[in-house]
N, C-alpha and C. Protein backbone atom coordinates (compact mmCIF):
# COMPACT_ATOMS: atom_id res chain seq x y z
N MET A 1 -15.93 -1.13 15.13
CA MET A 1 -14.79 -2.13 15.08
C MET A 1 -14.16 -1.94 13.89
N TYR A 2 -15.15 -1.72 12.90
CA TYR A 2 -14.95 -1.68 11.51
C TYR A 2 -13.82 -0.55 11.00
N ASP A 3 -14.34 0.63 11.73
CA ASP A 3 -13.63 1.92 11.55
C ASP A 3 -12.02 1.51 11.92
N LEU A 4 -11.75 1.04 13.07
CA LEU A 4 -10.64 0.86 13.53
C LEU A 4 -9.76 -0.30 12.66
N ARG A 5 -10.51 -1.17 11.98
CA ARG A 5 -9.73 -2.00 11.14
C ARG A 5 -9.46 -1.15 9.83
N HIS A 6 -10.16 -0.50 9.23
CA HIS A 6 -10.17 0.18 8.05
C HIS A 6 -9.23 1.31 8.14
N THR A 7 -9.10 1.98 9.30
CA THR A 7 -7.99 2.97 9.77
C THR A 7 -6.51 2.44 9.43
N THR A 8 -6.48 1.12 10.25
CA THR A 8 -5.51 0.48 10.19
C THR A 8 -4.93 0.09 9.08
N ALA A 9 -5.78 -0.57 8.13
CA ALA A 9 -5.54 -0.88 6.71
C ALA A 9 -5.07 0.08 6.17
N THR A 10 -5.61 1.56 5.87
CA THR A 10 -5.30 2.40 5.29
C THR A 10 -4.01 3.14 5.71
N LEU A 11 -3.76 3.17 6.77
CA LEU A 11 -2.46 3.58 7.48
C LEU A 11 -1.15 2.99 7.31
N LEU A 12 -1.32 1.58 7.23
CA LEU A 12 -0.29 0.77 6.92
C LEU A 12 -0.11 0.81 5.34
N LEU A 13 -1.08 0.94 4.46
CA LEU A 13 -0.85 0.74 3.04
C LEU A 13 0.00 2.29 2.50
N SER A 14 -0.73 3.20 3.12
CA SER A 14 -0.08 4.42 2.94
C SER A 14 1.28 4.77 3.26
N ALA A 15 1.71 3.89 4.46
CA ALA A 15 3.06 4.04 4.78
C ALA A 15 4.13 3.03 4.11
N GLY A 16 3.49 2.39 3.12
CA GLY A 16 4.31 1.67 2.38
C GLY A 16 4.35 0.00 2.79
N GLU A 17 3.42 -0.38 3.83
CA GLU A 17 3.59 -1.66 4.39
C GLU A 17 3.10 -2.52 3.15
N ASN A 18 3.66 -3.88 2.87
CA ASN A 18 3.34 -4.73 1.81
C ASN A 18 1.70 -4.94 2.06
N PRO A 19 1.25 -5.11 0.90
CA PRO A 19 -0.28 -5.41 0.74
C PRO A 19 -0.32 -6.86 1.65
N LYS A 20 0.28 -7.90 1.48
CA LYS A 20 0.07 -8.98 1.61
C LYS A 20 0.39 -9.21 3.63
N ILE A 21 1.00 -8.23 3.95
CA ILE A 21 1.07 -8.31 5.31
C ILE A 21 -0.13 -7.62 6.15
N VAL A 22 -0.47 -6.41 5.32
CA VAL A 22 -1.82 -5.80 5.82
C VAL A 22 -3.01 -6.78 5.67
N SER A 23 -3.18 -7.76 4.43
CA SER A 23 -4.08 -8.77 4.34
C SER A 23 -4.23 -9.44 5.35
N GLU A 24 -2.77 -10.02 5.90
CA GLU A 24 -2.81 -10.76 6.71
C GLU A 24 -3.25 -10.85 8.17
N ARG A 25 -2.97 -9.46 8.48
CA ARG A 25 -3.44 -8.90 9.79
C ARG A 25 -4.56 -8.47 9.78
N LEU A 26 -5.48 -8.24 8.58
CA LEU A 26 -6.81 -8.33 8.68
C LEU A 26 -7.58 -9.35 8.42
N GLY A 27 -7.02 -10.51 8.31
CA GLY A 27 -7.45 -11.83 8.40
C GLY A 27 -8.41 -12.15 6.85
N HIS A 28 -7.94 -11.34 6.15
CA HIS A 28 -8.91 -11.85 4.49
C HIS A 28 -8.00 -12.80 4.06
N ALA A 29 -8.90 -13.53 3.51
CA ALA A 29 -8.46 -14.81 2.85
C ALA A 29 -7.70 -14.57 1.53
N SER A 30 -7.81 -13.75 0.74
CA SER A 30 -6.93 -13.35 -0.28
C SER A 30 -6.70 -11.96 -0.24
N ILE A 31 -5.27 -11.69 -0.96
CA ILE A 31 -4.81 -10.03 -1.01
C ILE A 31 -5.95 -9.24 -2.01
N VAL A 32 -6.50 -10.01 -2.67
CA VAL A 32 -7.55 -9.45 -3.74
C VAL A 32 -8.45 -8.34 -2.88
N LEU A 33 -8.94 -8.99 -2.03
CA LEU A 33 -9.96 -8.46 -1.03
C LEU A 33 -9.49 -7.37 -0.44
N THR A 34 -8.15 -7.44 -0.01
CA THR A 34 -7.76 -6.12 0.54
C THR A 34 -7.40 -5.23 -0.41
N LEU A 35 -6.85 -5.40 -1.47
CA LEU A 35 -6.47 -4.17 -2.39
C LEU A 35 -7.90 -3.64 -3.31
N ASP A 36 -8.56 -4.56 -3.37
CA ASP A 36 -10.25 -4.07 -3.81
C ASP A 36 -10.77 -3.12 -3.02
N THR A 37 -10.72 -3.55 -1.71
CA THR A 37 -11.42 -2.69 -0.41
C THR A 37 -10.52 -1.67 -0.45
N TYR A 38 -9.42 -1.22 -0.32
CA TYR A 38 -8.22 -0.34 0.22
C TYR A 38 -7.63 0.56 -1.17
N SER A 39 -8.38 0.22 -2.13
CA SER A 39 -7.83 0.84 -3.41
C SER A 39 -7.77 2.29 -3.65
N HIS A 40 -8.37 3.08 -2.45
CA HIS A 40 -8.29 4.42 -2.31
C HIS A 40 -7.04 5.00 -2.02
N VAL A 41 -6.03 3.98 -1.53
CA VAL A 41 -4.84 4.39 -1.16
C VAL A 41 -3.79 4.23 -2.19
N LEU A 42 -4.34 3.61 -3.19
CA LEU A 42 -3.30 3.03 -4.32
C LEU A 42 -2.72 4.32 -4.92
N PRO A 43 -3.56 5.31 -5.24
CA PRO A 43 -2.88 6.42 -6.26
C PRO A 43 -1.79 7.13 -5.50
N SER A 44 -1.65 7.33 -4.37
CA SER A 44 -0.25 7.83 -3.72
C SER A 44 0.62 6.78 -3.83
N MET A 45 0.44 5.48 -3.70
CA MET A 45 1.30 4.61 -3.95
C MET A 45 2.00 4.30 -5.45
N GLN A 46 0.97 4.46 -6.28
CA GLN A 46 1.29 4.49 -7.58
C GLN A 46 2.52 5.72 -7.74
N ARG A 47 2.18 6.77 -7.42
CA ARG A 47 3.09 7.97 -7.65
C ARG A 47 4.73 7.61 -6.95
N ASP A 48 4.32 6.99 -5.71
CA ASP A 48 5.61 6.80 -4.99
C ASP A 48 6.61 5.73 -5.79
N ALA A 49 5.61 4.65 -6.24
CA ALA A 49 6.57 3.88 -7.19
C ALA A 49 7.25 4.58 -8.29
N THR A 50 6.45 5.54 -9.04
CA THR A 50 7.16 6.13 -10.19
C THR A 50 8.32 6.87 -9.95
N ASN A 51 8.35 7.64 -8.56
CA ASN A 51 9.63 8.08 -8.18
C ASN A 51 10.41 7.46 -7.95
N LYS A 52 10.20 6.39 -7.50
CA LYS A 52 11.25 5.30 -7.05
C LYS A 52 12.03 5.03 -8.46
N MET A 53 11.14 4.43 -9.51
CA MET A 53 11.62 4.56 -10.62
C MET A 53 12.41 5.09 -11.32
N GLU A 54 11.91 6.20 -11.24
CA GLU A 54 12.69 7.52 -11.75
C GLU A 54 14.31 7.63 -11.15
N LYS A 55 14.36 7.56 -9.84
CA LYS A 55 15.35 7.55 -9.18
C LYS A 55 16.28 6.47 -9.59
N LEU A 56 15.84 5.47 -9.86
CA LEU A 56 16.66 4.26 -10.12
C LEU A 56 17.32 4.50 -11.58
N LEU A 57 16.18 5.06 -12.55
CA LEU A 57 16.49 5.09 -13.93
C LEU A 57 17.41 6.26 -14.09
N PHE A 58 17.36 7.17 -13.72
CA PHE A 58 17.76 8.68 -14.11
C PHE A 58 18.63 9.59 -13.25
N ILE A 59 18.57 9.40 -12.01
CA ILE A 59 19.30 10.18 -10.94
C ILE A 59 20.35 9.28 -10.49
N ARG A 60 21.67 9.82 -10.81
CA ARG A 60 22.93 8.70 -10.55
C ARG A 60 23.41 9.67 -9.07
N GLU A 61 23.72 8.69 -8.24
CA GLU A 61 24.75 9.27 -7.21
C GLU A 61 26.20 9.61 -7.52
N ARG A 62 26.56 10.60 -6.82
CA ARG A 62 27.85 11.48 -7.05
C ARG A 62 28.83 10.96 -6.16
């Protein structure tokens, strides 16, 4: 059962789901627990956030 929960959380976070939603689905009392437990997913999320910010600041639509 733990492996299914872990996989679900990892997949949802990797897909960009809001961590608060994932936390609620897992029944965690705090989003901090979710973020601490699944922090291995965060590096790709940080990269994605950087790419989004770059597009907002430097890439203009034609």
